[in-house]
Amino acid sequence: MGLIDFNSMAWERLSELTYRKHFHGVNMTIAQFKLLKGSVIRPHSHPNEQISIVVSGRVKFIVGNDEYIVEGGNAVHIPPNATHSVEALEDSLVIDVYSPVRQDWIRGEDRYLREP
């Protein structure tokens, strides 16, 4: 597959403040997250390596015992199996790249992203 047109994809509502679009390739998953101010992704871990690129806004990442305030144009690396959480400090757009493919999302095992 060539072009991935995220503009034509509908936002999936995960909670009142969290929205996602995603695509699975052969060896990776890429996702866009629209995180409105106050959006929280609860602590979780997964076997996938993750790079989160903040396109716009400000987001607090807690990775293990480390806290990062990430602004537009910067990224955070999350190693496989590292416990991490996210809080949007302002309305933000984040692109996440995962390797390997997020099989848990394909199976529908993404409750940690959704409202409790």
Protein backbone atom coordinates (compact mmCIF):
# COMPACT_ATOMS: atom_id res chain seq x y z
CA MET A 1 0.00 0.00 0.00
CA GLY A 2 1.25 3.49 -0.80
CA LEU A 3 -0.60 6.57 0.38
CA ILE A 4 -2.19 6.58 3.84
CA ASP A 5 -4.74 9.39 3.85
CA PHE A 6 -5.32 10.23 7.51
CA ASN A 7 -7.41 13.23 6.42
CA SER A 8 -10.07 10.89 5.02
CA MET A 9 -10.22 8.77 8.20
CA ALA A 10 -12.82 9.51 10.86
CA TRP A 11 -11.66 10.12 14.41
CA GLU A 12 -12.46 7.19 16.71
CA ARG A 13 -13.80 8.55 20.02
CA LEU A 14 -12.05 6.73 22.86
CA SER A 15 -13.32 9.06 25.58
CA GLU A 16 -14.75 12.54 25.91
CA LEU A 17 -11.23 14.01 25.55
CA THR A 18 -9.34 11.37 23.54
CA TYR A 19 -9.61 10.55 19.82
CA ARG A 20 -7.59 8.24 17.57
CA LYS A 21 -6.92 7.35 13.93
CA HIS A 22 -4.59 4.45 13.16
CA PHE A 23 -3.17 2.23 10.45
CA HIS A 24 -1.40 -1.13 10.66
CA GLY A 25 1.44 -1.93 8.26
CA VAL A 26 3.36 -5.19 8.05
CA ASN A 27 5.81 -4.39 10.87
CA MET A 28 4.46 -1.25 12.53
CA THR A 29 1.39 0.67 13.57
CA ILE A 30 1.06 4.42 13.21
CA ALA A 31 -1.57 6.44 15.03
CA GLN A 32 -2.72 10.01 15.38
CA PHE A 33 -4.15 11.01 18.73
CA LYS A 34 -6.16 14.16 19.33
CA LEU A 35 -5.84 14.76 23.06
CA LEU A 36 -7.96 17.58 24.42
CA LYS A 37 -6.73 19.40 27.51
CA GLY A 38 -7.16 17.12 30.53
CA SER A 39 -7.12 13.89 28.52
CA VAL A 40 -5.38 11.13 30.50
CA ILE A 41 -4.09 7.79 29.26
CA ARG A 42 -3.78 5.60 32.35
CA PRO A 43 -0.51 3.80 33.19
CA HIS A 44 0.00 0.79 30.96
CA SER A 45 2.71 -1.16 29.16
CA HIS A 46 2.97 -3.21 25.99
CA PRO A 47 5.68 -5.19 24.20
CA ASN A 48 5.87 -2.60 21.41
CA GLU A 49 8.60 -0.01 21.11
CA GLN A 50 6.93 3.41 20.82
CA ILE A 51 7.97 6.84 19.63
CA SER A 52 5.48 9.62 20.37
CA ILE A 53 5.85 12.82 18.36
CA VAL A 54 3.97 15.84 19.68
CA VAL A 55 2.94 17.80 16.58
CA SER A 56 1.23 20.55 18.53
CA GLY A 57 0.32 21.27 22.12
CA ARG A 58 1.96 20.19 25.40
CA VAL A 59 1.80 16.69 26.81
CA LYS A 60 3.15 15.19 30.05
CA PHE A 61 4.58 11.69 29.64
CA ILE A 62 5.58 9.58 32.61
CA VAL A 63 7.83 6.70 31.50
CA GLY A 64 8.90 4.50 34.38
CA ASN A 65 10.13 7.00 36.99
CA ASP A 66 10.89 9.75 34.47
CA GLU A 67 8.57 12.67 33.67
CA TYR A 68 8.77 14.60 30.40
CA ILE A 69 6.87 17.71 29.32
CA VAL A 70 6.86 17.40 25.54
CA GLU A 71 5.91 20.31 23.28
CA GLY A 72 5.16 20.51 19.57
CA GLY A 73 8.15 19.44 17.50
CA ASN A 74 9.61 17.10 20.13
CA ALA A 75 9.28 13.38 20.73
CA VAL A 76 9.65 10.82 23.50
CA HIS A 77 10.94 7.25 23.13
CA ILE A 78 9.18 4.54 25.13
CA PRO A 79 11.04 1.21 25.23
CA PRO A 80 9.16 -2.10 25.03
CA ASN A 81 7.40 -3.12 28.27
CA ALA A 82 8.00 0.26 29.97
CA THR A 83 5.08 1.42 32.09
CA HIS A 84 3.94 4.84 30.89
CA SER A 85 1.06 7.31 31.09
CA VAL A 86 0.07 10.50 29.30
CA GLU A 87 -1.74 13.71 30.24
CA ALA A 88 -2.59 16.50 27.79
CA LEU A 89 -1.68 19.84 29.38
CA GLU A 90 -3.36 21.62 26.47
CA ASP A 91 -5.16 20.52 23.31
CA SER A 92 -2.58 18.43 21.46
CA LEU A 93 -1.98 16.37 18.33
CA VAL A 94 0.36 13.40 18.80
CA ILE A 95 1.65 10.88 16.28
CA ASP A 96 2.65 7.51 17.72
CA VAL A 97 4.74 4.94 15.89
CA TYR A 98 4.84 1.40 17.25
CA SER A 99 6.88 -1.64 16.30
CA PRO A 100 5.85 -4.38 15.92
CA VAL A 101 2.19 -4.03 14.92
CA ARG A 102 -0.24 -3.39 17.80
CA GLN A 103 -1.87 -6.82 17.81
CA ASP A 104 -3.69 -5.86 21.03
CA TRP A 105 -5.51 -3.09 19.15
CA ILE A 106 -6.40 -5.48 16.34
CA ARG A 107 -7.89 -7.83 18.96
CA GLY A 108 -9.78 -4.91 20.55
CA GLU A 109 -7.74 -5.01 23.76
CA ASP A 110 -7.37 -1.26 24.25
CA ARG A 111 -9.58 -0.57 27.27
CA TYR A 112 -6.82 1.44 28.95
CA LEU A 113 -7.43 4.12 26.29
CA ARG A 114 -11.16 4.27 26.86
CA GLU A 115 -13.37 5.72 29.57
CA PRO A 116 -13.41 3.65 32.78
